[in-house]
């Protein structure tokens, strides 16, 4: 007699299910993983004197879902997005990125809203 084996859903298969607690958790894990992978290489380049930093996407995602501001995220927990030699280069890049943030509209996904909020909160800081 054969037994049938049913695989339980994983975070990878639950991502599309809106509204469930597992869905939010899985989205946060995926967002954190994506952010870590995308930010790993710029964070290594420390030759510049100015950093474009932003809160972690997972922190922003949680706060935007709860409709809470981003002001209480400590800056020492933010991530380096890019490194620049001058303040003007950093500020120009930040402006370019924030200018591209579209109005998400009422049907935008939580991750799209959080990504826009993250860019709007980003800052240029000196390395010293």
Protein backbone atom coordinates (compact mmCIF):
# COMPACT_ATOMS: atom_id res chain seq x y z
CA UNK A 1 0.00 0.00 0.00
CA UNK A 2 1.44 3.36 -1.03
CA UNK A 3 1.16 6.41 1.13
CA UNK A 4 0.57 9.72 -0.52
CA UNK A 5 2.86 12.50 0.56
CA UNK A 6 1.51 16.02 0.59
CA UNK A 7 4.09 18.77 0.62
CA UNK A 8 3.28 21.62 2.93
CA UNK A 9 3.45 25.09 1.40
CA UNK A 10 6.71 26.95 1.76
CA UNK A 11 7.26 30.72 2.01
CA UNK A 12 8.09 30.61 -1.71
CA UNK A 13 4.64 29.24 -2.61
CA UNK A 14 2.70 31.46 -0.18
CA UNK A 15 4.01 34.78 -1.49
CA UNK A 16 1.07 35.44 -3.79
CA UNK A 17 -1.63 34.92 -1.17
CA UNK A 18 -2.61 38.39 0.01
CA UNK A 19 -3.92 38.91 3.48
CA UNK A 20 -2.50 35.90 5.25
CA UNK A 21 0.08 36.28 7.98
CA UNK A 22 2.33 33.82 6.18
CA UNK A 23 2.08 35.94 3.03
CA UNK A 24 3.33 39.05 4.83
CA UNK A 25 6.13 37.12 6.50
CA UNK A 26 7.17 35.52 3.22
CA UNK A 27 7.14 38.86 1.40
CA UNK A 28 9.32 40.36 4.11
CA UNK A 29 11.78 37.48 3.89
CA UNK A 30 11.92 37.76 0.10
CA UNK A 31 12.30 41.53 0.27
CA UNK A 32 15.11 41.20 2.80
CA UNK A 33 16.87 38.61 0.68
CA UNK A 34 16.52 40.72 -2.47
CA UNK A 35 17.73 43.84 -0.68
CA UNK A 36 20.71 41.99 0.77
CA UNK A 37 21.71 40.63 -2.62
CA UNK A 38 21.29 43.96 -4.39
CA UNK A 39 23.07 45.92 -1.71
CA UNK A 40 25.96 43.56 -1.03
CA UNK A 41 28.24 44.89 -3.74
CA UNK A 42 27.78 48.67 -3.25
CA UNK A 43 28.25 48.22 0.49
CA UNK A 44 31.71 46.76 -0.13
CA UNK A 45 32.88 49.81 -2.08
CA UNK A 46 34.01 52.07 0.74
CA UNK A 47 36.45 54.26 -1.19
CA UNK A 48 33.99 57.16 -1.54
CA UNK A 49 33.37 59.88 0.97
CA UNK A 50 29.55 60.03 0.72
CA UNK A 51 26.96 57.33 1.22
CA UNK A 52 23.39 57.20 -0.03
CA UNK A 53 21.62 55.30 2.74
CA UNK A 54 18.05 54.15 3.28
CA UNK A 55 16.09 52.11 5.82
CA UNK A 56 15.95 48.36 5.27
CA UNK A 57 13.09 47.42 2.97
CA UNK A 58 11.67 44.96 5.52
CA UNK A 59 11.40 47.73 8.15
CA UNK A 60 9.75 50.05 5.65
CA UNK A 61 7.35 47.32 4.50
CA UNK A 62 6.13 46.67 8.03
CA UNK A 63 5.67 50.38 8.76
CA UNK A 64 3.88 51.18 5.50
CA UNK A 65 1.51 48.24 6.03
CA UNK A 66 0.69 49.60 9.49
CA UNK A 67 0.52 53.17 8.12
CA UNK A 68 3.23 54.26 10.57
CA UNK A 69 5.97 56.80 9.79
CA UNK A 70 9.60 55.91 9.17
CA UNK A 71 11.07 58.48 11.56
CA UNK A 72 11.77 56.05 14.38
CA UNK A 73 14.08 53.73 12.42
CA UNK A 74 17.58 54.35 13.81
CA UNK A 75 19.98 55.56 11.10
CA UNK A 76 22.62 53.07 12.24
CA UNK A 77 20.27 50.30 11.03
CA UNK A 78 19.96 51.76 7.52
CA UNK A 79 21.68 50.17 4.53
CA UNK A 80 24.17 51.67 2.10
CA UNK A 81 22.62 51.93 -1.36
CA UNK A 82 25.54 53.58 -3.19
CA UNK A 83 28.89 55.27 -2.50
CA UNK A 84 30.07 58.58 -4.01
CA UNK A 85 33.17 60.76 -3.99
CA UNK A 86 31.28 64.03 -3.45
CA UNK A 87 28.12 65.26 -1.77
CA UNK A 88 26.85 66.73 -5.04
CA UNK A 89 27.10 63.35 -6.81
CA UNK A 90 25.21 61.68 -3.97
CA UNK A 91 22.49 64.32 -3.89
CA UNK A 92 22.09 64.23 -7.68
CA UNK A 93 21.67 60.44 -7.64
CA UNK A 94 19.17 60.63 -4.78
CA UNK A 95 17.20 63.24 -6.69
CA UNK A 96 17.20 61.06 -9.81
CA UNK A 97 15.93 58.08 -7.84
CA UNK A 98 13.23 59.99 -5.97
CA UNK A 99 12.06 61.71 -9.18
CA UNK A 100 11.39 58.25 -10.64
CA UNK A 101 9.13 57.17 -7.77
CA UNK A 102 5.65 56.98 -9.27
CA UNK A 103 2.45 57.70 -7.44
CA UNK A 104 1.60 54.13 -6.40
CA UNK A 105 -2.16 54.52 -6.52
CA UNK A 106 -4.69 52.55 -4.52
CA UNK A 107 -4.01 49.19 -6.20
CA UNK A 108 -0.21 49.15 -5.81
CA UNK A 109 1.36 46.22 -3.98
CA UNK A 110 2.74 46.73 -0.49
CA UNK A 111 6.27 46.21 -1.79
CA UNK A 112 5.89 48.96 -4.42
CA UNK A 113 4.59 51.40 -1.80
CA UNK A 114 7.43 50.46 0.60
CA UNK A 115 10.07 50.81 -2.13
CA UNK A 116 8.87 54.33 -2.92
CA UNK A 117 8.76 55.29 0.75
CA UNK A 118 12.26 53.91 1.22
CA UNK A 119 13.65 56.06 -1.59
CA UNK A 120 11.84 59.13 -0.30
CA UNK A 121 13.40 58.56 3.15
CA UNK A 122 16.94 58.03 1.80
CA UNK A 123 19.71 60.43 2.77
CA UNK A 124 23.26 61.33 1.78
CA UNK A 125 25.75 61.20 4.64
CA UNK A 126 29.48 61.82 4.87
CA UNK A 127 31.69 58.84 5.65
CA UNK A 128 33.48 60.62 8.49
